[in-house]
Amino acid sequence: GISDLDMLAELVNRQVACSPREVLLCAENLGLWCTAAAVAFSAYARQESRGSHFRTDFPEENPAFEKNIYIRMG
């Protein structure tokens, strides 16, 4: 859930790099977190179940969500 993303954000923000390789790993971790957050927030915004995306609070398909959801940083 969202609290898990918050916990991971804290870990990503506390990374320390002592070598060029570790700098690369820190950057990759940040990118992975950003991707995970975008996917999670997109899934939360889609208030329906469709295909492998199943929500117990919205178990039915909703024709209003037959569209793509675009997320961008900013």
PDB file of N, CA and C in Angstrom:
ATOM      1  N   GLY A   1       0.803  -1.184   0.000  1.00  0.00           N
ATOM      2  CA  GLY A   1       0.000   0.000   0.000  1.00  0.00           C
ATOM      3  C   GLY A   1       0.856   1.262   0.000  1.00  0.00           C
ATOM      4  N   ILE A   2       0.199   2.354   0.209  1.00  0.00           N
ATOM      5  CA  ILE A   2       0.862   3.656   0.201  1.00  0.00           C
ATOM      6  C   ILE A   2       1.863   3.761   1.342  1.00  0.00           C
ATOM      7  N   SER A   3       1.550   3.204   2.498  1.00  0.00           N
ATOM      8  CA  SER A   3       2.491   3.278   3.620  1.00  0.00           C
ATOM      9  C   SER A   3       3.776   2.509   3.307  1.00  0.00           C
ATOM     10  N   ASP A   4       3.664   1.431   2.544  1.00  0.00           N
ATOM     11  CA  ASP A   4       4.866   0.700   2.121  1.00  0.00           C
ATOM     12  C   ASP A   4       5.728   1.567   1.212  1.00  0.00           C
ATOM     13  N   LEU A   5       5.085   2.326   0.324  1.00  0.00           N
ATOM     14  CA  LEU A   5       5.841   3.231  -0.548  1.00  0.00           C
ATOM     15  C   LEU A   5       6.521   4.327   0.263  1.00  0.00           C
ATOM     16  N   ASP A   6       5.838   4.819   1.278  1.00  0.00           N
ATOM     17  CA  ASP A   6       6.440   5.841   2.143  1.00  0.00           C
ATOM     18  C   ASP A   6       7.665   5.284   2.854  1.00  0.00           C
ATOM     19  N   MET A   7       7.567   4.046   3.331  1.00  0.00           N
ATOM     20  CA  MET A   7       8.700   3.418   4.008  1.00  0.00           C
ATOM     21  C   MET A   7       9.872   3.248   3.040  1.00  0.00           C
ATOM     22  N   LEU A   8       9.583   2.806   1.824  1.00  0.00           N
ATOM     23  CA  LEU A   8      10.640   2.647   0.832  1.00  0.00           C
ATOM     24  C   LEU A   8      11.252   3.989   0.451  1.00  0.00           C
ATOM     25  N   ALA A   9      10.438   5.039   0.394  1.00  0.00           N
ATOM     26  CA  ALA A   9      10.956   6.376   0.088  1.00  0.00           C
ATOM     27  C   ALA A   9      11.947   6.813   1.157  1.00  0.00           C
ATOM     28  N   GLU A  10      11.631   6.521   2.406  1.00  0.00           N
ATOM     29  CA  GLU A  10      12.551   6.862   3.507  1.00  0.00           C
ATOM     30  C   GLU A  10      13.887   6.144   3.320  1.00  0.00           C
ATOM     31  N   LEU A  11      13.826   4.870   2.961  1.00  0.00           N
ATOM     32  CA  LEU A  11      15.061   4.102   2.752  1.00  0.00           C
ATOM     33  C   LEU A  11      15.857   4.645   1.568  1.00  0.00           C
ATOM     34  N   VAL A  12      15.162   4.985   0.481  1.00  0.00           N
ATOM     35  CA  VAL A  12      15.843   5.522  -0.698  1.00  0.00           C
ATOM     36  C   VAL A  12      16.492   6.863  -0.363  1.00  0.00           C
ATOM     37  N   ASN A  13      15.797   7.677   0.412  1.00  0.00           N
ATOM     38  CA  ASN A  13      16.336   8.991   0.775  1.00  0.00           C
ATOM     39  C   ASN A  13      17.520   8.903   1.726  1.00  0.00           C
ATOM     40  N   ARG A  14      17.661   7.800   2.444  1.00  0.00           N
ATOM     41  CA  ARG A  14      18.767   7.647   3.399  1.00  0.00           C
ATOM     42  C   ARG A  14      19.948   6.867   2.828  1.00  0.00           C
ATOM     43  N   GLN A  15      19.934   6.594   1.523  1.00  0.00           N
ATOM     44  CA  GLN A  15      21.037   5.851   0.929  1.00  0.00           C
ATOM     45  C   GLN A  15      22.335   6.653   1.016  1.00  0.00           C
ATOM     46  N   VAL A  16      23.423   5.933   1.207  1.00  0.00           N
ATOM     47  CA  VAL A  16      24.750   6.552   1.241  1.00  0.00           C
ATOM     48  C   VAL A  16      25.617   5.813   0.221  1.00  0.00           C
ATOM     49  N   ALA A  17      26.335   6.575  -0.593  1.00  0.00           N
ATOM     50  CA  ALA A  17      27.208   5.981  -1.609  1.00  0.00           C
ATOM     51  C   ALA A  17      28.652   6.336  -1.298  1.00  0.00           C
ATOM     52  N   CYS A  18      29.487   5.326  -1.285  1.00  0.00           N
ATOM     53  CA  CYS A  18      30.914   5.522  -1.003  1.00  0.00           C
ATOM     54  C   CYS A  18      31.791   5.182  -2.205  1.00  0.00           C
ATOM     55  N   SER A  19      31.200   4.776  -3.298  1.00  0.00           N
ATOM     56  CA  SER A  19      31.964   4.432  -4.488  1.00  0.00           C
ATOM     57  C   SER A  19      31.113   4.747  -5.714  1.00  0.00           C
ATOM     58  N   PRO A  20      31.726   4.840  -6.878  1.00  0.00           N
ATOM     59  CA  PRO A  20      30.949   5.093  -8.098  1.00  0.00           C
ATOM     60  C   PRO A  20      29.870   4.032  -8.348  1.00  0.00           C
ATOM     61  N   ARG A  21      30.168   2.795  -8.038  1.00  0.00           N
ATOM     62  CA  ARG A  21      29.168   1.730  -8.208  1.00  0.00           C
ATOM     63  C   ARG A  21      27.973   1.951  -7.292  1.00  0.00           C
ATOM     64  N   GLU A  22      28.236   2.370  -6.066  1.00  0.00           N
ATOM     65  CA  GLU A  22      27.142   2.622  -5.129  1.00  0.00           C
ATOM     66  C   GLU A  22      26.307   3.828  -5.553  1.00  0.00           C
ATOM     67  N   VAL A  23      26.934   4.826  -6.185  1.00  0.00           N
ATOM     68  CA  VAL A  23      26.185   5.963  -6.721  1.00  0.00           C
ATOM     69  C   VAL A  23      25.212   5.462  -7.789  1.00  0.00           C
ATOM     70  N   LEU A  24      25.692   4.580  -8.651  1.00  0.00           N
ATOM     71  CA  LEU A  24      24.836   4.001  -9.684  1.00  0.00           C
ATOM     72  C   LEU A  24      23.683   3.228  -9.056  1.00  0.00           C
ATOM     73  N   LEU A  25      23.968   2.432  -8.051  1.00  0.00           N
ATOM     74  CA  LEU A  25      22.905   1.657  -7.385  1.00  0.00           C
ATOM     75  C   LEU A  25      21.889   2.571  -6.713  1.00  0.00           C
ATOM     76  N   CYS A  26      22.345   3.659  -6.117  1.00  0.00           N
ATOM     77  CA  CYS A  26      21.425   4.615  -5.497  1.00  0.00           C
ATOM     78  C   CYS A  26      20.508   5.234  -6.552  1.00  0.00           C
ATOM     79  N   ALA A  27      21.074   5.597  -7.696  1.00  0.00           N
ATOM     80  CA  ALA A  27      20.272   6.172  -8.774  1.00  0.00           C
ATOM     81  C   ALA A  27      19.263   5.156  -9.301  1.00  0.00           C
ATOM     82  N   GLU A  28      19.690   3.905  -9.437  1.00  0.00           N
ATOM     83  CA  GLU A  28      18.773   2.855  -9.891  1.00  0.00           C
ATOM     84  C   GLU A  28      17.650   2.634  -8.877  1.00  0.00           C
ATOM     85  N   ASN A  29      17.976   2.645  -7.600  1.00  0.00           N
ATOM     86  CA  ASN A  29      16.949   2.479  -6.561  1.00  0.00           C
ATOM     87  C   ASN A  29      15.927   3.606  -6.616  1.00  0.00           C
ATOM     88  N   LEU A  30      16.394   4.825  -6.843  1.00  0.00           N
ATOM     89  CA  LEU A  30      15.481   5.958  -6.951  1.00  0.00           C
ATOM     90  C   LEU A  30      14.553   5.773  -8.146  1.00  0.00           C
ATOM     91  N   GLY A  31      15.103   5.353  -9.275  1.00  0.00           N
ATOM     92  CA  GLY A  31      14.282   5.106 -10.459  1.00  0.00           C
ATOM     93  C   GLY A  31      13.262   4.002 -10.237  1.00  0.00           C
ATOM     94  N   LEU A  32      13.686   2.941  -9.562  1.00  0.00           N
ATOM     95  CA  LEU A  32      12.756   1.846  -9.254  1.00  0.00           C
ATOM     96  C   LEU A  32      11.635   2.319  -8.344  1.00  0.00           C
ATOM     97  N   TRP A  33      11.976   3.147  -7.344  1.00  0.00           N
ATOM     98  CA  TRP A  33      10.945   3.675  -6.439  1.00  0.00           C
ATOM     99  C   TRP A  33       9.968   4.551  -7.207  1.00  0.00           C
ATOM    100  N   CYS A  34      10.469   5.419  -8.075  1.00  0.00           N
ATOM    101  CA  CYS A  34       9.591   6.300  -8.859  1.00  0.00           C
ATOM    102  C   CYS A  34       8.630   5.481  -9.724  1.00  0.00           C
ATOM    103  N   THR A  35       9.127   4.412 -10.327  1.00  0.00           N
ATOM    104  CA  THR A  35       8.287   3.547 -11.153  1.00  0.00           C
ATOM    105  C   THR A  35       7.231   2.845 -10.299  1.00  0.00           C
ATOM    106  N   ALA A  36       7.643   2.325  -9.149  1.00  0.00           N
ATOM    107  CA  ALA A  36       6.692   1.651  -8.258  1.00  0.00           C
ATOM    108  C   ALA A  36       5.611   2.620  -7.788  1.00  0.00           C
ATOM    109  N   ALA A  37       5.991   3.832  -7.445  1.00  0.00           N
ATOM    110  CA  ALA A  37       5.019   4.827  -6.993  1.00  0.00           C
ATOM    111  C   ALA A  37       4.042   5.176  -8.112  1.00  0.00           C
ATOM    112  N   ALA A  38       4.534   5.348  -9.340  1.00  0.00           N
ATOM    113  CA  ALA A  38       3.657   5.674 -10.472  1.00  0.00           C
ATOM    114  C   ALA A  38       2.656   4.554 -10.725  1.00  0.00           C
ATOM    115  N   VAL A  39       3.115   3.313 -10.678  1.00  0.00           N
ATOM    116  CA  VAL A  39       2.217   2.171 -10.893  1.00  0.00           C
ATOM    117  C   VAL A  39       1.176   2.094  -9.771  1.00  0.00           C
ATOM    118  N   ALA A  40       1.614   2.265  -8.527  1.00  0.00           N
ATOM    119  CA  ALA A  40       0.689   2.181  -7.393  1.00  0.00           C
ATOM    120  C   ALA A  40      -0.352   3.297  -7.429  1.00  0.00           C
ATOM    121  N   PHE A  41       0.086   4.521  -7.706  1.00  0.00           N
ATOM    122  CA  PHE A  41      -0.870   5.628  -7.752  1.00  0.00           C
ATOM    123  C   PHE A  41      -1.823   5.493  -8.936  1.00  0.00           C
ATOM    124  N   SER A  42      -1.354   4.962 -10.058  1.00  0.00           N
ATOM    125  CA  SER A  42      -2.232   4.719 -11.202  1.00  0.00           C
ATOM    126  C   SER A  42      -3.286   3.670 -10.862  1.00  0.00           C
ATOM    127  N   ALA A  43      -2.846   2.603 -10.201  1.00  0.00           N
ATOM    128  CA  ALA A  43      -3.784   1.545  -9.798  1.00  0.00           C
ATOM    129  C   ALA A  43      -4.811   2.079  -8.809  1.00  0.00           C
ATOM    130  N   TYR A  44      -4.374   2.956  -7.917  1.00  0.00           N
ATOM    131  CA  TYR A  44      -5.298   3.544  -6.937  1.00  0.00           C
ATOM    132  C   TYR A  44      -6.297   4.476  -7.621  1.00  0.00           C
ATOM    133  N   ALA A  45      -5.851   5.188  -8.652  1.00  0.00           N
ATOM    134  CA  ALA A  45      -6.744   6.113  -9.364  1.00  0.00           C
ATOM    135  C   ALA A  45      -7.795   5.377 -10.172  1.00  0.00           C
ATOM    136  N   ARG A  46      -7.476   4.183 -10.630  1.00  0.00           N
ATOM    137  CA  ARG A  46      -8.430   3.401 -11.425  1.00  0.00           C
ATOM    138  C   ARG A  46      -9.366   2.684 -10.458  1.00  0.00           C
ATOM    139  N   GLN A  47     -10.548   3.252 -10.286  1.00  0.00           N
ATOM    140  CA  GLN A  47     -11.497   2.719  -9.303  1.00  0.00           C
ATOM    141  C   GLN A  47     -12.397   1.672  -9.942  1.00  0.00           C
ATOM    142  N   GLU A  48     -11.760   0.586 -10.338  1.00  0.00           N
ATOM    143  CA  GLU A  48     -12.468  -0.531 -10.960  1.00  0.00           C
ATOM    144  C   GLU A  48     -11.540  -1.731 -10.979  1.00  0.00           C
ATOM    145  N   SER A  49     -12.058  -2.863 -11.364  1.00  0.00           N
ATOM    146  CA  SER A  49     -11.259  -4.056 -11.617  1.00  0.00           C
ATOM    147  C   SER A  49     -11.246  -4.287 -13.114  1.00  0.00           C
ATOM    148  N   ARG A  50     -10.059  -4.575 -13.673  1.00  0.00           N
ATOM    149  CA  ARG A  50      -9.952  -4.829 -15.111  1.00  0.00           C
ATOM    150  C   ARG A  50      -8.760  -5.747 -15.319  1.00  0.00           C
ATOM    151  N   GLY A  51      -8.999  -6.903 -15.924  1.00  0.00           N
ATOM    152  CA  GLY A  51      -7.922  -7.845 -16.185  1.00  0.00           C
ATOM    153  C   GLY A  51      -7.260  -8.303 -14.895  1.00  0.00           C
ATOM    154  N   SER A  52      -5.942  -8.232 -14.866  1.00  0.00           N
ATOM    155  CA  SER A  52      -5.217  -8.680 -13.671  1.00  0.00           C
ATOM    156  C   SER A  52      -5.255  -7.639 -12.554  1.00  0.00           C
ATOM    157  N   HIS A  53      -5.752  -6.453 -12.853  1.00  0.00           N
ATOM    158  CA  HIS A  53      -5.889  -5.401 -11.832  1.00  0.00           C
ATOM    159  C   HIS A  53      -7.224  -5.620 -11.137  1.00  0.00           C
ATOM    160  N   PHE A  54      -7.210  -6.218  -9.952  1.00  0.00           N
ATOM    161  CA  PHE A  54      -8.439  -6.495  -9.220  1.00  0.00           C
ATOM    162  C   PHE A  54      -8.438  -5.748  -7.912  1.00  0.00           C
ATOM    163  N   ARG A  55      -9.513  -5.050  -7.639  1.00  0.00           N
ATOM    164  CA  ARG A  55      -9.683  -4.332  -6.373  1.00  0.00           C
ATOM    165  C   ARG A  55     -10.917  -4.875  -5.665  1.00  0.00           C
ATOM    166  N   THR A  56     -10.766  -5.229  -4.405  1.00  0.00           N
ATOM    167  CA  THR A  56     -11.903  -5.751  -3.655  1.00  0.00           C
ATOM    168  C   THR A  56     -12.943  -4.659  -3.389  1.00  0.00           C
ATOM    169  N   ASP A  57     -12.504  -3.389  -3.330  1.00  0.00           N
ATOM    170  CA  ASP A  57     -13.453  -2.300  -3.082  1.00  0.00           C
ATOM    171  C   ASP A  57     -14.185  -1.857  -4.356  1.00  0.00           C
ATOM    172  N   PHE A  58     -13.661  -2.224  -5.526  1.00  0.00           N
ATOM    173  CA  PHE A  58     -14.313  -1.949  -6.804  1.00  0.00           C
ATOM    174  C   PHE A  58     -14.210  -3.214  -7.667  1.00  0.00           C
ATOM    175  N   PRO A  59     -15.039  -4.242  -7.395  1.00  0.00           N
ATOM    176  CA  PRO A  59     -14.875  -5.529  -8.064  1.00  0.00           C
ATOM    177  C   PRO A  59     -15.361  -5.572  -9.517  1.00  0.00           C
ATOM    178  N   GLU A  60     -16.120  -4.586  -9.971  1.00  0.00           N
ATOM    179  CA  GLU A  60     -16.684  -4.605 -11.314  1.00  0.00           C
ATOM    180  C   GLU A  60     -15.885  -3.708 -12.261  1.00  0.00           C
ATOM    181  N   GLU A  61     -16.004  -4.017 -13.587  1.00  0.00           N
ATOM    182  CA  GLU A  61     -15.432  -3.126 -14.597  1.00  0.00           C
ATOM    183  C   GLU A  61     -16.313  -1.892 -14.724  1.00  0.00           C
ATOM    184  N   ASN A  62     -15.683  -0.752 -14.992  1.00  0.00           N
ATOM    185  CA  ASN A  62     -16.390   0.502 -15.162  1.00  0.00           C
ATOM    186  C   ASN A  62     -16.040   1.054 -16.546  1.00  0.00           C
ATOM    187  N   PRO A  63     -17.022   1.206 -17.437  1.00  0.00           N
ATOM    188  CA  PRO A  63     -16.728   1.700 -18.788  1.00  0.00           C
ATOM    189  C   PRO A  63     -16.046   3.069 -18.799  1.00  0.00           C
ATOM    190  N   ALA A  64     -16.216   3.859 -17.771  1.00  0.00           N
ATOM    191  CA  ALA A  64     -15.581   5.184 -17.703  1.00  0.00           C
ATOM    192  C   ALA A  64     -14.058   5.076 -17.657  1.00  0.00           C
ATOM    193  N   PHE A  65     -13.535   3.921 -17.249  1.00  0.00           N
ATOM    194  CA  PHE A  65     -12.090   3.751 -17.143  1.00  0.00           C
ATOM    195  C   PHE A  65     -11.494   2.995 -18.330  1.00  0.00           C
ATOM    196  N   GLU A  66     -12.225   2.923 -19.446  1.00  0.00           N
ATOM    197  CA  GLU A  66     -11.667   2.325 -20.659  1.00  0.00           C
ATOM    198  C   GLU A  66     -10.768   3.353 -21.325  1.00  0.00           C
ATOM    199  N   LYS A  67      -9.695   3.678 -20.643  1.00  0.00           N
ATOM    200  CA  LYS A  67      -8.751   4.694 -21.117  1.00  0.00           C
ATOM    201  C   LYS A  67      -7.402   4.437 -20.469  1.00  0.00           C
ATOM    202  N   ASN A  68      -6.397   5.096 -20.966  1.00  0.00           N
ATOM    203  CA  ASN A  68      -5.069   5.026 -20.351  1.00  0.00           C
ATOM    204  C   ASN A  68      -4.951   6.108 -19.301  1.00  0.00           C
ATOM    205  N   ILE A  69      -4.187   5.811 -18.262  1.00  0.00           N
ATOM    206  CA  ILE A  69      -3.897   6.794 -17.221  1.00  0.00           C
ATOM    207  C   ILE A  69      -2.437   7.177 -17.370  1.00  0.00           C
ATOM    208  N   TYR A  70      -2.174   8.459 -17.523  1.00  0.00           N
ATOM    209  CA  TYR A  70      -0.816   8.949 -17.692  1.00  0.00           C
ATOM    210  C   TYR A  70      -0.366   9.648 -16.416  1.00  0.00           C
ATOM    211  N   ILE A  71       0.827   9.305 -15.959  1.00  0.00           N
ATOM    212  CA  ILE A  71       1.403   9.905 -14.764  1.00  0.00           C
ATOM    213  C   ILE A  71       2.708  10.563 -15.176  1.00  0.00           C
ATOM    214  N   ARG A  72       2.976  11.755 -14.673  1.00  0.00           N
ATOM    215  CA  ARG A  72       4.261  12.395 -14.939  1.00  0.00           C
ATOM    216  C   ARG A  72       4.740  13.091 -13.682  1.00  0.00           C
ATOM    217  N   MET A  73       6.044  13.223 -13.597  1.00  0.00           N
ATOM    218  CA  MET A  73       6.627  13.912 -12.443  1.00  0.00           C
ATOM    219  C   MET A  73       6.498  15.412 -12.684  1.00  0.00           C
ATOM    220  N   GLY A  74       6.326  16.123 -11.611  1.00  0.00           N
ATOM    221  CA  GLY A  74       6.272  17.563 -11.796  1.00  0.00           C
ATOM    222  C   GLY A  74       5.646  18.292 -10.666  1.00  0.00           C
TER     223      GLY A  74
END
